Protein backbone atom coordinates (compact mmCIF):
# COMPACT_ATOMS: atom_id res chain seq x y z
CA UNK A 1 173.91 140.03 82.84
CA UNK A 2 172.61 143.61 82.46
CA UNK A 3 174.48 146.13 84.57
CA UNK A 4 171.51 148.40 85.19
CA UNK A 5 169.03 145.86 86.47
CA UNK A 6 168.66 143.94 89.72
CA UNK A 7 167.41 140.93 87.75
CA UNK A 8 170.12 139.32 85.64
CA UNK A 9 167.56 137.42 83.57
CA UNK A 10 164.44 138.42 81.59
CA UNK A 11 161.32 139.33 83.55
CA UNK A 12 158.22 137.23 83.51
CA UNK A 13 158.92 134.65 86.25
CA UNK A 14 157.70 136.74 89.16
CA UNK A 15 154.49 134.79 89.55
CA UNK A 16 156.37 131.67 90.67
CA UNK A 17 158.25 133.26 93.56
CA UNK A 18 156.57 132.14 96.80
CA UNK A 19 154.45 129.32 95.51
CA UNK A 20 154.67 125.91 97.13
CA UNK A 21 152.96 122.68 96.26
CA UNK A 22 153.05 119.76 98.66
CA UNK A 23 153.86 116.50 96.90
CA UNK A 24 152.99 114.39 99.94
CA UNK A 25 152.63 114.88 103.72
CA UNK A 26 156.40 114.37 103.98
CA UNK A 27 157.72 115.93 100.76
CA UNK A 28 157.34 119.45 99.42
CA UNK A 29 158.10 121.28 96.17
CA UNK A 30 158.70 124.97 95.46
CA UNK A 31 159.84 127.14 92.56
CA UNK A 32 163.12 129.01 92.24
CA UNK A 33 163.65 132.71 91.53
CA UNK A 34 166.32 135.38 91.90
CA UNK A 35 168.03 134.79 95.26
CA UNK A 36 165.68 131.91 95.97
CA UNK A 37 166.27 128.17 95.66
CA UNK A 38 163.29 126.07 94.72
CA UNK A 39 163.36 122.49 96.00
CA UNK A 40 161.90 119.17 94.89
CA UNK A 41 161.53 116.21 97.27
CA UNK A 42 162.12 118.55 100.21
CA UNK A 43 160.86 118.20 103.78
CA UNK A 44 157.67 120.17 104.38
CA UNK A 45 159.48 122.29 107.00
CA UNK A 46 162.40 123.21 104.68
CA UNK A 47 160.74 123.62 101.29
CA UNK A 48 162.85 126.45 99.84
CA UNK A 49 165.73 128.80 100.61
CA UNK A 50 165.57 132.60 100.33
CA UNK A 51 168.88 134.44 100.50
CA UNK A 52 169.13 137.64 102.56
CA UNK A 53 172.90 137.99 103.01
CA UNK A 54 176.15 136.39 101.88
CA UNK A 55 179.85 136.27 102.75
CA UNK A 56 182.92 134.95 100.96
CA UNK A 57 186.38 133.81 101.97
CA UNK A 58 189.19 133.54 99.45
CA UNK A 59 191.73 130.80 98.66
CA UNK A 60 189.73 128.65 98.37
CA UNK A 61 186.71 130.70 97.27
CA UNK A 62 183.84 129.72 99.54
CA UNK A 63 180.54 131.58 99.24
CA UNK A 64 178.05 131.23 102.09
CA UNK A 65 174.46 132.44 101.73
CA UNK A 66 172.13 132.96 104.70
CA UNK A 67 168.40 133.36 105.17
CA UNK A 68 166.96 136.11 107.40
CA UNK A 69 167.64 134.47 110.79
CA UNK A 70 170.80 132.64 109.60
CA UNK A 71 169.37 129.29 110.63
CA UNK A 72 169.49 128.17 107.00
CA UNK A 73 172.53 128.44 104.78
CA UNK A 74 173.95 127.42 101.42
CA UNK A 75 177.71 127.05 101.00
CA UNK A 76 179.33 126.90 97.55
CA UNK A 77 183.03 126.25 96.88
CA UNK A 78 184.50 127.42 93.57
CA UNK A 79 187.86 126.37 92.11
CA UNK A 80 189.06 127.86 88.81
CA UNK A 81 185.54 129.11 87.94
CA UNK A 82 184.09 125.62 88.49
CA UNK A 83 181.61 124.85 91.27
CA UNK A 84 183.17 121.99 93.26
CA UNK A 85 180.87 121.66 96.28
CA UNK A 86 177.38 122.72 97.31
CA UNK A 87 175.98 122.29 100.82
CA UNK A 88 172.41 123.15 101.87
CA UNK A 89 171.37 122.87 105.48
CA UNK A 90 169.52 124.15 108.49
CA UNK A 91 169.57 122.97 112.09
CA UNK A 92 167.70 119.78 111.18
CA UNK A 93 168.66 118.76 107.64
CA UNK A 94 171.75 118.74 105.43
CA UNK A 95 172.44 117.82 101.79
CA UNK A 96 175.59 118.13 99.70
CA UNK A 97 177.34 117.35 96.43
CA UNK A 98 181.08 117.20 95.83
CA UNK A 99 181.81 116.84 99.56
CA UNK A 100 183.55 113.75 100.92
CA UNK A 101 182.19 110.64 99.19
CA UNK A 102 179.16 112.44 97.74
CA UNK A 103 178.91 112.58 93.92
CA UNK A 104 180.34 115.55 92.04
CA UNK A 105 178.12 118.58 91.55
CA UNK A 106 176.21 118.79 88.27
CA UNK A 107 173.79 121.39 86.97
CA UNK A 108 175.22 124.38 88.83
CA UNK A 109 177.35 127.08 87.20
CA UNK A 110 178.91 130.36 88.30
CA UNK A 111 179.11 133.51 86.18
CA UNK A 112 180.63 136.95 86.68
CA UNK A 113 178.42 139.95 86.07
CA UNK A 114 177.02 143.11 87.60
CA UNK A 115 174.06 144.05 89.75
CA UNK A 116 173.22 147.75 89.81
CA UNK A 117 176.65 148.44 88.25
CA UNK A 118 178.45 146.52 91.02
CA UNK A 119 180.55 143.37 90.42
CA UNK A 120 178.72 140.20 91.36
CA UNK A 121 178.87 136.42 91.22
CA UNK A 122 175.75 134.56 90.12
CA UNK A 123 175.14 130.85 90.75
CA UNK A 124 172.63 129.17 88.43
CA UNK A 125 171.03 125.85 89.36
CA UNK A 126 169.51 123.44 86.86
CA UNK A 127 167.91 120.49 88.66
CA UNK A 128 171.03 119.95 90.78
CA UNK A 129 170.78 116.79 92.89
CA UNK A 130 172.20 116.94 96.42
CA UNK A 131 172.70 113.76 98.43
CA UNK A 132 171.16 113.49 101.88
CA UNK A 133 173.76 113.97 104.62
CA UNK A 134 171.75 114.19 107.85
CA UNK A 135 168.18 114.52 109.09
CA UNK A 136 166.71 112.63 106.13
CA UNK A 137 167.49 109.86 103.66
CA UNK A 138 165.70 111.63 100.78
CA UNK A 139 167.97 113.33 98.24
CA UNK A 140 167.12 116.94 97.37
CA UNK A 141 166.83 118.54 93.93
CA UNK A 142 167.50 122.27 93.52
CA UNK A 143 165.19 123.13 90.66
CA UNK A 144 165.76 124.99 87.43
CA UNK A 145 165.37 128.81 87.63
CA UNK A 146 166.99 128.88 91.08
CA UNK A 147 169.64 131.60 91.36
CA UNK A 148 171.88 132.94 94.14
CA UNK A 149 173.82 136.20 93.75
CA UNK A 150 176.75 137.54 95.75
CA UNK A 151 177.79 141.20 95.54
CA UNK A 152 181.55 141.59 95.71
CA UNK A 153 181.16 144.37 98.27
CA UNK A 154 179.40 141.99 100.65
CA UNK A 155 181.16 141.05 103.88
CA UNK A 156 184.45 139.31 103.07
CA UNK A 157 186.82 137.39 105.29
CA UNK A 158 190.22 136.78 103.73
CA UNK A 159 192.96 135.01 105.71
CA UNK A 160 196.27 136.86 105.75
CA UNK A 161 199.68 135.14 105.91
CA UNK A 162 199.63 135.69 109.67
CA UNK A 163 196.20 134.08 110.03
CA UNK A 164 196.47 131.19 107.61
CA UNK A 165 198.52 128.00 107.40
CA UNK A 166 200.45 129.11 104.31
CA UNK A 167 203.74 129.51 106.22
CA UNK A 168 203.15 126.99 108.98
CA UNK A 169 206.03 124.59 109.70
CA UNK A 170 204.31 122.78 112.56
CA UNK A 171 205.14 119.07 112.34
CA UNK A 172 201.61 118.21 113.44
CA UNK A 173 199.96 120.24 110.68
CA UNK A 174 197.72 123.29 110.79
CA UNK A 175 194.16 124.34 110.01
CA UNK A 176 192.90 127.77 108.98
CA UNK A 177 189.67 128.82 110.68
CA UNK A 178 187.40 131.52 109.26
CA UNK A 179 184.05 132.99 110.17
CA UNK A 180 182.61 135.21 112.91
CA UNK A 181 185.28 137.68 114.03
CA UNK A 182 188.44 137.14 112.00
CA UNK A 183 190.61 134.35 110.54
CA UNK A 184 192.93 132.43 112.83
CA UNK A 185 195.03 129.29 112.76
CA UNK A 186 195.08 126.22 114.96
CA UNK A 187 198.32 124.28 115.48
CA UNK A 188 199.01 121.49 117.93
CA UNK A 189 201.25 122.55 120.82
CA UNK A 190 203.14 119.37 121.69
CA UNK A 191 204.90 121.05 124.62
CA UNK A 192 201.53 121.56 126.29
CA UNK A 193 199.80 118.31 125.52
CA UNK A 194 202.06 115.85 123.74
CA UNK A 195 200.66 112.39 124.35
CA UNK A 196 196.96 112.73 123.35
CA UNK A 197 197.80 113.61 119.76
CA UNK A 198 198.57 109.90 119.27
CA UNK A 199 195.43 108.13 118.11
CA UNK A 200 193.88 105.58 120.43
CA UNK A 201 192.62 102.82 118.11
CA UNK A 202 190.21 100.00 118.83
CA UNK A 203 190.39 97.52 115.96
CA UNK A 204 187.17 95.71 116.88
CA UNK A 205 184.90 98.65 116.08
CA UNK A 206 187.25 100.98 114.18
CA UNK A 207 187.03 103.74 116.77
CA UNK A 208 189.73 106.34 117.16
CA UNK A 209 190.16 109.30 119.48
CA UNK A 210 192.63 112.07 118.64
CA UNK A 211 193.11 115.20 120.74
CA UNK A 212 195.05 118.39 120.01
CA UNK A 213 195.94 121.31 122.30
CA UNK A 214 196.64 124.87 121.18
CA UNK A 215 197.25 127.02 124.27
CA UNK A 216 198.83 126.41 127.65
CA UNK A 217 195.49 126.04 129.39
CA UNK A 218 193.42 123.09 130.39
CA UNK A 219 193.33 121.14 127.10
CA UNK A 220 189.59 121.33 126.60
CA UNK A 221 189.67 125.11 126.92
CA UNK A 222 191.40 125.38 123.57
CA UNK A 223 191.61 122.08 121.80
CA UNK A 224 190.18 119.75 119.21
CA UNK A 225 188.76 116.32 119.89
CA UNK A 226 188.09 114.00 116.96
CA UNK A 227 186.20 110.75 117.38
CA UNK A 228 185.47 108.29 114.58
CA UNK A 229 183.16 105.41 115.38
CA UNK A 230 182.65 102.67 112.79
CA UNK A 231 183.14 103.18 109.07
CA UNK A 232 180.14 105.45 108.55
CA UNK A 233 180.22 107.75 111.58
CA UNK A 234 182.52 110.73 111.99
CA UNK A 235 182.28 113.19 114.85
CA UNK A 236 184.14 116.37 115.64
CA UNK A 237 184.00 118.84 118.51
CA UNK A 238 186.05 122.01 118.50
CA UNK A 239 186.57 124.07 121.65
CA UNK A 240 187.71 127.69 121.77
CA UNK A 241 188.22 130.00 124.73
CA UNK A 242 186.37 129.23 127.94
CA UNK A 243 184.56 126.10 126.87
CA UNK A 244 182.89 127.77 123.88
CA UNK A 245 182.16 124.67 121.88
CA UNK A 246 181.92 124.54 118.11
CA UNK A 247 181.01 121.17 116.73
CA UNK A 248 179.99 119.15 113.71
CA UNK A 249 178.30 115.84 114.24
CA UNK A 250 177.22 114.55 117.61
CA UNK A 251 178.51 112.12 120.20
CA UNK A 252 175.07 110.56 120.56
CA UNK A 253 174.37 109.46 116.99
CA UNK A 254 176.39 106.83 115.15
CA UNK A 255 174.94 108.04 111.85
CA UNK A 256 176.01 111.66 112.24
CA UNK A 257 178.69 112.82 109.80
CA UNK A 258 180.83 115.89 109.26
CA UNK A 259 180.97 116.77 105.55
CA UNK A 260 184.50 117.57 104.46
CA UNK A 261 186.28 115.84 107.36
CA UNK A 262 188.28 112.73 106.44
CA UNK A 263 190.37 110.50 108.69
CA UNK A 264 193.27 108.51 107.20
CA UNK A 265 194.29 105.99 109.85
CA UNK A 266 197.09 104.57 107.69
CA UNK A 267 198.84 107.91 107.14
CA UNK A 268 197.58 109.26 110.48
CA UNK A 269 196.12 112.49 109.13
CA UNK A 270 192.90 114.44 109.59
CA UNK A 271 191.95 116.52 106.56
CA UNK A 272 189.54 119.44 106.88
CA UNK A 273 187.96 120.63 103.60
CA UNK A 274 185.41 123.38 104.26
CA UNK A 275 184.32 121.67 107.48
CA UNK A 276 181.61 123.77 109.07
CA UNK A 277 181.42 123.91 112.87
CA UNK A 278 178.38 125.34 114.68
CA UNK A 279 178.55 126.87 118.14
CA UNK A 280 176.79 124.56 120.55
CA UNK A 281 175.10 127.42 122.42
CA UNK A 282 174.10 129.30 119.26
CA UNK A 283 174.05 127.16 116.08
CA UNK A 284 173.76 130.30 113.90
CA UNK A 285 177.40 131.10 114.74
CA UNK A 286 179.54 129.09 112.36
CA UNK A 287 183.26 128.52 111.80
CA UNK A 288 184.87 126.94 108.74
CA UNK A 289 188.05 124.83 108.98
CA UNK A 290 190.52 123.99 106.20
CA UNK A 291 193.85 122.18 106.50
CA UNK A 292 195.49 119.01 107.76
CA UNK A 293 196.34 117.81 111.28
CA UNK A 294 198.76 114.92 111.84
CA UNK A 295 199.06 112.47 114.71
């Protein structure tokens, strides 16, 4: 990638940058470019993604790209220079690869380089197929020539030992939470709210409720409630402070899922892998949870 140019690839593709062609009244197609994802088989109201800003957290390396109003985002997880997960979503639709039971990611690579003499990460897409997660049943293809770039001097949020679960000895596990202000950890406080951490199971419909408390307040002022209904529906709500709710999934829909959240009823664990939680009052405010809680 040239160090003196904003474009890391040869010129000559500029004419494709904002062009859209509608494949049908329901599906749309657009072309990719630098910092723009072109889609195939996309909804007509989410036909492409144009990056305006990006952030990264380390260990694991999670790159999140936002559009202008931050109502659309792309999250990419990298392990040992390999792209492991890709998530594309807005307030209505979501697609992913490498998350939960979705197939592994193919056709997307990450490379180190420079943009205007500054270190950068570039993510190249080559007809990468993302499975539908919510809002649609149609899988999405991120087309060839789509590229996202992250400058290493962009906003970065790195958990420190004091704000990550690295040294946690809590018997009920711990999750690291990043995004918005600064990293923090969440651990169950059994002295405050001991009983609800035990899952309440209903064998007839495979439902389970698990609740965790963090501070010595009313439990729902700083707690986590997990509900799993049936084999295909997973819900999570996460409360911080004075009933400031962050959630993934919904109580109302039995088809809503939370990518990255897995419930193991046999070993009684909840595993968070890049689980994204949106603030109920302002969905553009997003937290990311990683770790394991036990019950």
